[in-house]
Amino acid sequence: PVKMVVFIPGGNVPNERYTATAQAIQSSVVGVRLWAAIAAVPKRLCILSCATASLCRLRNDVDAALTMAVKAGWKRGDDASDVWLAGHSLGGTCANRLFQASSTNGSAPFAGLLVMGSYVDESGNFDLTSYKRPVLTLNAELDGGLARPGKTSTWFRQYLDIASARGDAYAIANKPVIVLPKLNHSDFCPGFDVPKDLMAEVSQAEATATIGNYAGAFFQVHCSGNATARVAALRTLEYGVAWT
C-alpha cells in the first residue's frame, strides 16, 4: 500500500525542523510505502488560516503540499483512505480543526490523525471518544506547555472510556494516548527550541527514534500489508499506553 502523511507545523517552527521526524516515522513502517509532506502555512502560523473549524482555509495549504508530492511522483487517489494528517503543537490544533472543517454529512475527509504535543477537542463530536477516524495522541513527559501530562490526562480518561466500551484491542489500535518518557515538546521539531519548554532527559537522536517508533507503529497497524508487522506494531502501542 502507498499512503501519505501531511504535517502541519507548530507555531513559528520552520518546516525543515520536521524533516528528521518524518523520516524517522517513514523508516519505522514495514509493509507500506509512506510518503510525507509538510504544509507551508502563512507566516509559520497555521492559526491564521484556521482560527476555528468554521473559518478554516488550511485545506488550501494541504492541497498545495499534496500537489508538490504529485510532482515528485506520488499518485493521489482517495484522500479519505490514503491521506493522514499530523500536527505538532499548534499544528495539532489546526489539523484537528481542518479535519472538522472538511467533514461533511458524517463523512471523514482523511484516513486519520496524529497529534504530537497536542490534542483533539475535550468534548463533543470531535473529542477522542467521538472521532470517526483513528487518532494517535503522542505527547511528552517533560512538555513545558499545554500538552503536559496533567493536561493529557483528559484524553487518557477518554481512552479508558473507549477501552471500557469497545475493548482494549480496539482502543489501543484506534485511539491510543501515549506519553513519551523523558522527552520534551521540542523533541518533535529537532533543532527548534520551543520557549519555556522543560529540558529533555534523552538525546535528540534517541527522542527522534522513539517518536518514529510509536508513530510508525500507529501507521503500521492501519496501513501495512504485513500481518506480522501489524501484530508487532500493536504490541508497541500497547507498551506505550501501559507506561502512560
C-alpha atoms as a PDB file:
ATOM      1  CA  PRO A   1       0.000   0.000   0.000  1.00  0.00           C
ATOM      2  CA  VAL A   2       1.013   3.604  -0.613  1.00  0.00           C
ATOM      3  CA  LYS A   3      -0.066   6.224   1.925  1.00  0.00           C
ATOM      4  CA  MET A   4       0.627   9.897   2.618  1.00  0.00           C
ATOM      5  CA  VAL A   5       1.011  11.853   5.853  1.00  0.00           C
ATOM      6  CA  VAL A   6       0.828  15.653   5.763  1.00  0.00           C
ATOM      7  CA  PHE A   7       2.421  17.529   8.648  1.00  0.00           C
ATOM      8  CA  ILE A   8       1.038  20.831   9.946  1.00  0.00           C
ATOM      9  CA  PRO A   9       3.914  22.681  11.669  1.00  0.00           C
ATOM     10  CA  GLY A  10       3.785  24.166  15.146  1.00  0.00           C
ATOM     11  CA  GLY A  11       3.724  27.912  15.665  1.00  0.00           C
ATOM     12  CA  ASN A  12       6.831  29.689  14.302  1.00  0.00           C
ATOM     13  CA  VAL A  13       8.577  26.386  13.573  1.00  0.00           C
ATOM     14  CA  PRO A  14      10.327  26.219  10.174  1.00  0.00           C
ATOM     15  CA  ASN A  15       9.099  23.328   8.032  1.00  0.00           C
ATOM     16  CA  GLU A  16      12.540  21.757   7.774  1.00  0.00           C
ATOM     17  CA  ARG A  17      12.532  21.097  11.529  1.00  0.00           C
ATOM     18  CA  TYR A  18      10.089  18.249  10.903  1.00  0.00           C
ATOM     19  CA  THR A  19      12.194  16.506   8.269  1.00  0.00           C
ATOM     20  CA  ALA A  20      14.004  14.234  10.738  1.00  0.00           C
ATOM     21  CA  THR A  21      10.746  13.369  12.496  1.00  0.00           C
ATOM     22  CA  ALA A  22       9.029  12.492   9.220  1.00  0.00           C
ATOM     23  CA  GLN A  23      11.974  10.378   8.106  1.00  0.00           C
ATOM     24  CA  ALA A  24      12.047   8.527  11.432  1.00  0.00           C
ATOM     25  CA  ILE A  25       8.378   7.656  11.054  1.00  0.00           C
ATOM     26  CA  GLN A  26       8.857   6.512   7.463  1.00  0.00           C
ATOM     27  CA  SER A  27      11.828   4.337   8.476  1.00  0.00           C
ATOM     28  CA  SER A  28       9.797   2.646  11.205  1.00  0.00           C
ATOM     29  CA  VAL A  29       6.960   1.496   8.965  1.00  0.00           C
ATOM     30  CA  VAL A  30       7.056  -2.009   7.486  1.00  0.00           C
ATOM     31  CA  GLY A  31       4.794  -3.220   4.693  1.00  0.00           C
ATOM     32  CA  VAL A  32       3.671   0.184   3.427  1.00  0.00           C
ATOM     33  CA  ARG A  33       5.244   2.945   1.382  1.00  0.00           C
ATOM     34  CA  LEU A  34       4.631   6.071   3.424  1.00  0.00           C
ATOM     35  CA  TRP A  35       5.103   9.440   1.736  1.00  0.00           C
ATOM     36  CA  ALA A  36       5.413  12.589   3.830  1.00  0.00           C
ATOM     37  CA  ALA A  37       4.747  16.240   3.049  1.00  0.00           C
ATOM     38  CA  ILE A  38       4.995  19.322   5.255  1.00  0.00           C
ATOM     39  CA  ALA A  39       2.459  22.056   4.572  1.00  0.00           C
ATOM     40  CA  ALA A  40       3.692  25.641   4.296  1.00  0.00           C
ATOM     41  CA  VAL A  41       1.420  27.941   6.283  1.00  0.00           C
ATOM     42  CA  PRO A  42       1.267  31.767   6.223  1.00  0.00           C
ATOM     43  CA  LYS A  43       3.840  33.401   8.499  1.00  0.00           C
ATOM     44  CA  ARG A  44       4.522  29.974  10.043  1.00  0.00           C
ATOM     45  CA  LEU A  45       1.262  30.242  11.977  1.00  0.00           C
ATOM     46  CA  CYS A  46      -1.408  27.795  10.864  1.00  0.00           C
ATOM     47  CA  ILE A  47      -3.889  29.539  13.136  1.00  0.00           C
ATOM     48  CA  LEU A  48      -4.012  32.408  10.612  1.00  0.00           C
ATOM     49  CA  SER A  49      -5.579  30.010   8.106  1.00  0.00           C
ATOM     50  CA  CYS A  50      -7.614  28.061  10.633  1.00  0.00           C
ATOM     51  CA  ALA A  51      -8.769  30.226  13.534  1.00  0.00           C
ATOM     52  CA  THR A  52     -11.802  27.978  14.048  1.00  0.00           C
ATOM     53  CA  ALA A  53     -13.254  24.930  12.353  1.00  0.00           C
ATOM     54  CA  SER A  54     -15.846  27.137  10.643  1.00  0.00           C
ATOM     55  CA  LEU A  55     -13.179  29.577   9.432  1.00  0.00           C
ATOM     56  CA  CYS A  56     -10.543  27.144   8.246  1.00  0.00           C
ATOM     57  CA  ARG A  57      -8.788  27.599   4.904  1.00  0.00           C
ATOM     58  CA  LEU A  58      -5.922  25.294   5.756  1.00  0.00           C
ATOM     59  CA  ARG A  59      -7.087  22.774   3.168  1.00  0.00           C
ATOM     60  CA  ASN A  60      -5.554  25.049   0.517  1.00  0.00           C
ATOM     61  CA  ASP A  61      -2.132  24.720   2.167  1.00  0.00           C
ATOM     62  CA  VAL A  62      -2.518  20.957   2.484  1.00  0.00           C
ATOM     63  CA  ASP A  63      -3.567  20.659  -1.159  1.00  0.00           C
ATOM     64  CA  ALA A  64      -0.525  22.714  -2.195  1.00  0.00           C
ATOM     65  CA  ALA A  65       1.735  20.283  -0.323  1.00  0.00           C
ATOM     66  CA  LEU A  66      -0.004  17.317  -1.959  1.00  0.00           C
ATOM     67  CA  THR A  67       0.377  18.916  -5.381  1.00  0.00           C
ATOM     68  CA  MET A  68       4.124  19.157  -4.804  1.00  0.00           C
ATOM     69  CA  ALA A  69       4.160  15.498  -3.789  1.00  0.00           C
ATOM     70  CA  VAL A  70       2.384  14.566  -7.028  1.00  0.00           C
ATOM     71  CA  LYS A  71       5.097  16.386  -8.961  1.00  0.00           C
ATOM     72  CA  ALA A  72       7.642  14.308  -7.054  1.00  0.00           C
ATOM     73  CA  GLY A  73       5.953  11.058  -8.093  1.00  0.00           C
ATOM     74  CA  TRP A  74       3.195  10.381  -5.577  1.00  0.00           C
ATOM     75  CA  LYS A  75      -0.110   9.331  -7.154  1.00  0.00           C
ATOM     76  CA  ARG A  76      -3.088  10.971  -5.487  1.00  0.00           C
ATOM     77  CA  GLY A  77      -6.113   8.763  -5.031  1.00  0.00           C
ATOM     78  CA  ASP A  78      -8.798   8.851  -2.361  1.00  0.00           C
ATOM     79  CA  ASP A  79      -7.776  11.235   0.420  1.00  0.00           C
ATOM     80  CA  ALA A  80     -10.249   9.620   2.802  1.00  0.00           C
ATOM     81  CA  SER A  81      -8.325   6.354   2.712  1.00  0.00           C
ATOM     82  CA  ASP A  82      -4.819   7.402   1.659  1.00  0.00           C
ATOM     83  CA  VAL A  83      -4.024  10.723   3.348  1.00  0.00           C
ATOM     84  CA  TRP A  84      -3.335  11.123   7.065  1.00  0.00           C
ATOM     85  CA  LEU A  85      -2.974  14.418   8.886  1.00  0.00           C
ATOM     86  CA  ALA A  86      -0.289  15.051  11.501  1.00  0.00           C
ATOM     87  CA  GLY A  87       0.230  18.156  13.575  1.00  0.00           C
ATOM     88  CA  HIS A  88       2.640  19.266  16.268  1.00  0.00           C
ATOM     89  CA  SER A  89       1.673  21.709  18.993  1.00  0.00           C
ATOM     90  CA  LEU A  90      -0.429  24.471  17.403  1.00  0.00           C
ATOM     91  CA  GLY A  91      -0.254  22.416  14.216  1.00  0.00           C
ATOM     92  CA  GLY A  92      -2.142  19.649  16.004  1.00  0.00           C
ATOM     93  CA  THR A  93      -4.884  22.094  16.909  1.00  0.00           C
ATOM     94  CA  CYS A  94      -5.082  23.236  13.287  1.00  0.00           C
ATOM     95  CA  ALA A  95      -5.060  19.675  11.955  1.00  0.00           C
ATOM     96  CA  ASN A  96      -7.958  18.828  14.258  1.00  0.00           C
ATOM     97  CA  ARG A  97      -9.886  21.879  13.071  1.00  0.00           C
ATOM     98  CA  LEU A  98      -9.180  21.081   9.434  1.00  0.00           C
ATOM     99  CA  PHE A  99     -10.496  17.565   9.973  1.00  0.00           C
ATOM    100  CA  GLN A 100     -13.694  19.074  11.322  1.00  0.00           C
ATOM    101  CA  ALA A 101     -13.972  21.727   8.628  1.00  0.00           C
ATOM    102  CA  SER A 102     -13.585  19.126   5.877  1.00  0.00           C
ATOM    103  CA  SER A 103     -16.059  16.648   7.352  1.00  0.00           C
ATOM    104  CA  THR A 104     -19.462  16.728   5.656  1.00  0.00           C
ATOM    105  CA  ASN A 105     -22.603  14.726   6.390  1.00  0.00           C
ATOM    106  CA  GLY A 106     -20.714  12.448   8.729  1.00  0.00           C
ATOM    107  CA  SER A 107     -18.042  11.580   6.144  1.00  0.00           C
ATOM    108  CA  ALA A 108     -14.360  11.685   7.113  1.00  0.00           C
ATOM    109  CA  PRO A 109     -12.082  13.667   4.764  1.00  0.00           C
ATOM    110  CA  PHE A 110      -8.845  11.925   5.760  1.00  0.00           C
ATOM    111  CA  ALA A 111      -7.780   8.463   6.869  1.00  0.00           C
ATOM    112  CA  GLY A 112      -6.835   9.537  10.380  1.00  0.00           C
ATOM    113  CA  LEU A 113      -4.978  11.956  12.606  1.00  0.00           C
ATOM    114  CA  LEU A 114      -1.712  12.092  14.551  1.00  0.00           C
ATOM    115  CA  VAL A 115      -1.356  14.884  17.119  1.00  0.00           C
ATOM    116  CA  MET A 116       2.035  15.408  18.753  1.00  0.00           C
ATOM    117  CA  GLY A 117       2.354  17.668  21.764  1.00  0.00           C
ATOM    118  CA  SER A 118      -1.302  18.451  21.165  1.00  0.00           C
ATOM    119  CA  TYR A 119      -4.813  17.015  21.407  1.00  0.00           C
ATOM    120  CA  VAL A 120      -8.281  16.946  19.865  1.00  0.00           C
ATOM    121  CA  ASP A 121     -11.425  18.534  21.345  1.00  0.00           C
ATOM    122  CA  GLU A 122     -12.185  17.964  25.008  1.00  0.00           C
ATOM    123  CA  SER A 123     -15.857  17.238  24.325  1.00  0.00           C
ATOM    124  CA  GLY A 124     -18.426  16.999  21.553  1.00  0.00           C
ATOM    125  CA  ASN A 125     -18.372  15.342  18.139  1.00  0.00           C
ATOM    126  CA  PHE A 126     -14.610  15.600  17.837  1.00  0.00           C
ATOM    127  CA  ASP A 127     -13.421  14.533  21.232  1.00  0.00           C
ATOM    128  CA  LEU A 128     -11.462  11.290  21.313  1.00  0.00           C
ATOM    129  CA  THR A 129     -14.473   9.098  22.025  1.00  0.00           C
ATOM    130  CA  SER A 130     -16.453  10.501  19.084  1.00  0.00           C
ATOM    131  CA  TYR A 131     -13.779  10.900  16.392  1.00  0.00           C
ATOM    132  CA  LYS A 132     -14.795   8.997  13.264  1.00  0.00           C
ATOM    133  CA  ARG A 133     -11.261   8.023  12.313  1.00  0.00           C
ATOM    134  CA  PRO A 134      -8.207   6.677  14.159  1.00  0.00           C
ATOM    135  CA  VAL A 135      -6.332   9.217  16.275  1.00  0.00           C
ATOM    136  CA  LEU A 136      -2.918   8.862  17.924  1.00  0.00           C
ATOM    137  CA  THR A 137      -2.224  11.326  20.732  1.00  0.00           C
ATOM    138  CA  LEU A 138       1.562  11.349  21.203  1.00  0.00           C
ATOM    139  CA  ASN A 139       2.755  13.680  23.940  1.00  0.00           C
ATOM    140  CA  ALA A 140       5.870  14.096  26.080  1.00  0.00           C
ATOM    141  CA  GLU A 141       6.520  13.626  29.776  1.00  0.00           C
ATOM    142  CA  LEU A 142       8.608  16.810  30.041  1.00  0.00           C
ATOM    143  CA  ASP A 143       6.414  19.062  27.929  1.00  0.00           C
ATOM    144  CA  GLY A 144       6.621  22.539  29.404  1.00  0.00           C
ATOM    145  CA  GLY A 145       3.410  23.766  27.806  1.00  0.00           C
ATOM    146  CA  LEU A 146      -0.254  22.973  27.368  1.00  0.00           C
ATOM    147  CA  ALA A 147       0.290  19.357  26.307  1.00  0.00           C
ATOM    148  CA  ARG A 148       1.961  18.370  29.577  1.00  0.00           C
ATOM    149  CA  PRO A 149       0.875  15.050  31.154  1.00  0.00           C
ATOM    150  CA  GLY A 150      -1.559  16.666  33.575  1.00  0.00           C
ATOM    151  CA  LYS A 151      -3.494  18.144  30.661  1.00  0.00           C
ATOM    152  CA  THR A 152      -3.131  14.982  28.574  1.00  0.00           C
ATOM    153  CA  SER A 153      -4.912  13.054  31.345  1.00  0.00           C
ATOM    154  CA  THR A 154      -8.196  14.432  29.963  1.00  0.00           C
ATOM    155  CA  TRP A 155      -7.753  12.376  26.786  1.00  0.00           C
ATOM    156  CA  PHE A 156      -6.288   9.394  28.604  1.00  0.00           C
ATOM    157  CA  ARG A 157      -9.521   9.168  30.573  1.00  0.00           C
ATOM    158  CA  GLN A 158     -11.386   9.253  27.256  1.00  0.00           C
ATOM    159  CA  TYR A 159      -9.120   6.453  26.030  1.00  0.00           C
ATOM    160  CA  LEU A 160     -10.096   4.422  29.105  1.00  0.00           C
ATOM    161  CA  ASP A 161     -13.766   5.060  28.354  1.00  0.00           C
ATOM    162  CA  ILE A 162     -13.246   3.747  24.811  1.00  0.00           C
ATOM    163  CA  ALA A 163     -11.427   0.680  26.137  1.00  0.00           C
ATOM    164  CA  SER A 164     -14.261   0.019  28.580  1.00  0.00           C
ATOM    165  CA  ALA A 165     -16.911   0.319  25.872  1.00  0.00           C
ATOM    166  CA  ARG A 166     -15.171  -1.385  22.939  1.00  0.00           C
ATOM    167  CA  GLY A 167     -12.301  -3.375  24.411  1.00  0.00           C
ATOM    168  CA  ASP A 168      -8.581  -2.808  24.889  1.00  0.00           C
ATOM    169  CA  ALA A 169      -7.613  -4.092  21.451  1.00  0.00           C
ATOM    170  CA  TYR A 170      -9.844  -1.580  19.662  1.00  0.00           C
ATOM    171  CA  ALA A 171      -8.769   1.330  21.871  1.00  0.00           C
ATOM    172  CA  ILE A 172      -5.052   0.581  21.522  1.00  0.00           C
ATOM    173  CA  ALA A 173      -5.283   0.340  17.738  1.00  0.00           C
ATOM    174  CA  ASN A 174      -7.602   3.271  17.092  1.00  0.00           C
ATOM    175  CA  LYS A 175      -7.370   5.839  19.914  1.00  0.00           C
ATOM    176  CA  PRO A 176      -4.079   5.333  21.759  1.00  0.00           C
ATOM    177  CA  VAL A 177      -2.915   8.084  24.103  1.00  0.00           C
ATOM    178  CA  ILE A 178       0.809   7.829  24.767  1.00  0.00           C
ATOM    179  CA  VAL A 179       3.116   9.988  26.876  1.00  0.00           C
ATOM    180  CA  LEU A 180       6.755   9.504  25.884  1.00  0.00           C
ATOM    181  CA  PRO A 181       9.088   9.284  28.896  1.00  0.00           C
ATOM    182  CA  LYS A 182      11.971  11.764  29.200  1.00  0.00           C
ATOM    183  CA  LEU A 183      11.040  13.674  26.007  1.00  0.00           C
ATOM    184  CA  ASN A 184      10.002  17.316  25.805  1.00  0.00           C
ATOM    185  CA  HIS A 185       7.848  19.414  23.482  1.00  0.00           C
ATOM    186  CA  SER A 186      10.806  20.495  21.347  1.00  0.00           C
ATOM    187  CA  ASP A 187      11.849  16.926  20.566  1.00  0.00           C
ATOM    188  CA  PHE A 188       9.160  16.721  17.889  1.00  0.00           C
ATOM    189  CA  CYS A 189      10.843  19.514  15.890  1.00  0.00           C
ATOM    190  CA  PRO A 190      14.597  18.832  16.188  1.00  0.00           C
ATOM    191  CA  GLY A 191      16.735  21.962  16.140  1.00  0.00           C
ATOM    192  CA  PHE A 192      13.979  24.323  17.273  1.00  0.00           C
ATOM    193  CA  ASP A 193      13.757  25.074  20.983  1.00  0.00           C
ATOM    194  CA  VAL A 194      10.204  25.871  21.989  1.00  0.00           C
ATOM    195  CA  PRO A 195      10.156  28.738  24.525  1.00  0.00           C
ATOM    196  CA  LYS A 196       9.632  27.747  28.180  1.00  0.00           C
ATOM    197  CA  ASP A 197       9.979  24.050  27.412  1.00  0.00           C
ATOM    198  CA  LEU A 198      11.472  21.729  30.026  1.00  0.00           C
ATOM    199  CA  MET A 199      14.803  20.015  29.455  1.00  0.00           C
ATOM    200  CA  ALA A 200      14.645  16.594  27.847  1.00  0.00           C
ATOM    201  CA  GLU A 201      16.465  13.732  29.562  1.00  0.00           C
ATOM    202  CA  VAL A 202      17.469  11.892  26.387  1.00  0.00           C
ATOM    203  CA  SER A 203      19.483  12.886  23.329  1.00  0.00           C
ATOM    204  CA  GLN A 204      17.705  14.286  20.309  1.00  0.00           C
ATOM    205  CA  ALA A 205      18.688  11.210  18.313  1.00  0.00           C
ATOM    206  CA  GLU A 206      17.072   8.908  20.871  1.00  0.00           C
ATOM    207  CA  ALA A 207      13.991  11.129  21.083  1.00  0.00           C
ATOM    208  CA  THR A 208      13.515  11.177  17.315  1.00  0.00           C
ATOM    209  CA  ALA A 209      13.869   7.399  17.143  1.00  0.00           C
ATOM    210  CA  THR A 210      11.284   6.990  19.915  1.00  0.00           C
ATOM    211  CA  ILE A 211       8.798   9.276  18.153  1.00  0.00           C
ATOM    212  CA  GLY A 212       9.364   7.408  14.905  1.00  0.00           C
ATOM    213  CA  ASN A 213       8.853   4.064  16.630  1.00  0.00           C
ATOM    214  CA  TYR A 214       5.449   4.906  18.116  1.00  0.00           C
ATOM    215  CA  ALA A 215       4.083   6.978  15.257  1.00  0.00           C
ATOM    216  CA  GLY A 216       5.344   4.387  12.796  1.00  0.00           C
ATOM    217  CA  ALA A 217       3.601   1.650  14.776  1.00  0.00           C
ATOM    218  CA  PHE A 218       0.320   3.533  14.533  1.00  0.00           C
ATOM    219  CA  PHE A 219       0.580   3.830  10.755  1.00  0.00           C
ATOM    220  CA  GLN A 220       1.715   0.227  10.502  1.00  0.00           C
ATOM    221  CA  VAL A 221      -1.373  -1.022  12.344  1.00  0.00           C
ATOM    222  CA  HIS A 222      -3.680   0.738   9.892  1.00  0.00           C
ATOM    223  CA  CYS A 223      -1.744   0.715   6.641  1.00  0.00           C
ATOM    224  CA  SER A 224       0.661  -2.199   6.488  1.00  0.00           C
ATOM    225  CA  GLY A 225       0.082  -5.201   4.278  1.00  0.00           C
ATOM    226  CA  ASN A 226       2.333  -7.277   6.547  1.00  0.00           C
ATOM    227  CA  ALA A 227       0.286  -9.125   9.184  1.00  0.00           C
ATOM    228  CA  THR A 228       3.297  -9.937  11.352  1.00  0.00           C
ATOM    229  CA  ALA A 229       4.344  -6.296  11.318  1.00  0.00           C
ATOM    230  CA  ARG A 230       0.854  -5.215  12.359  1.00  0.00           C
ATOM    231  CA  VAL A 231       0.942  -7.534  15.374  1.00  0.00           C
ATOM    232  CA  ALA A 232       4.344  -6.184  16.418  1.00  0.00           C
ATOM    233  CA  ALA A 233       3.083  -2.619  15.983  1.00  0.00           C
ATOM    234  CA  LEU A 234       0.089  -3.290  18.226  1.00  0.00           C
ATOM    235  CA  ARG A 235       2.435  -4.533  20.935  1.00  0.00           C
ATOM    236  CA  THR A 236       4.457  -1.332  20.632  1.00  0.00           C
ATOM    237  CA  LEU A 237       1.357   0.815  21.076  1.00  0.00           C
ATOM    238  CA  GLU A 238       0.182  -1.362  23.943  1.00  0.00           C
ATOM    239  CA  TYR A 239       3.500  -0.856  25.727  1.00  0.00           C
ATOM    240  CA  GLY A 240       3.316   2.920  25.266  1.00  0.00           C
ATOM    241  CA  VAL A 241      -0.231   3.102  26.584  1.00  0.00           C
ATOM    242  CA  ALA A 242       0.658   0.886  29.579  1.00  0.00           C
ATOM    243  CA  TRP A 243       3.572   3.165  30.531  1.00  0.00           C
ATOM    244  CA  THR A 244       1.334   6.219  30.216  1.00  0.00           C
END
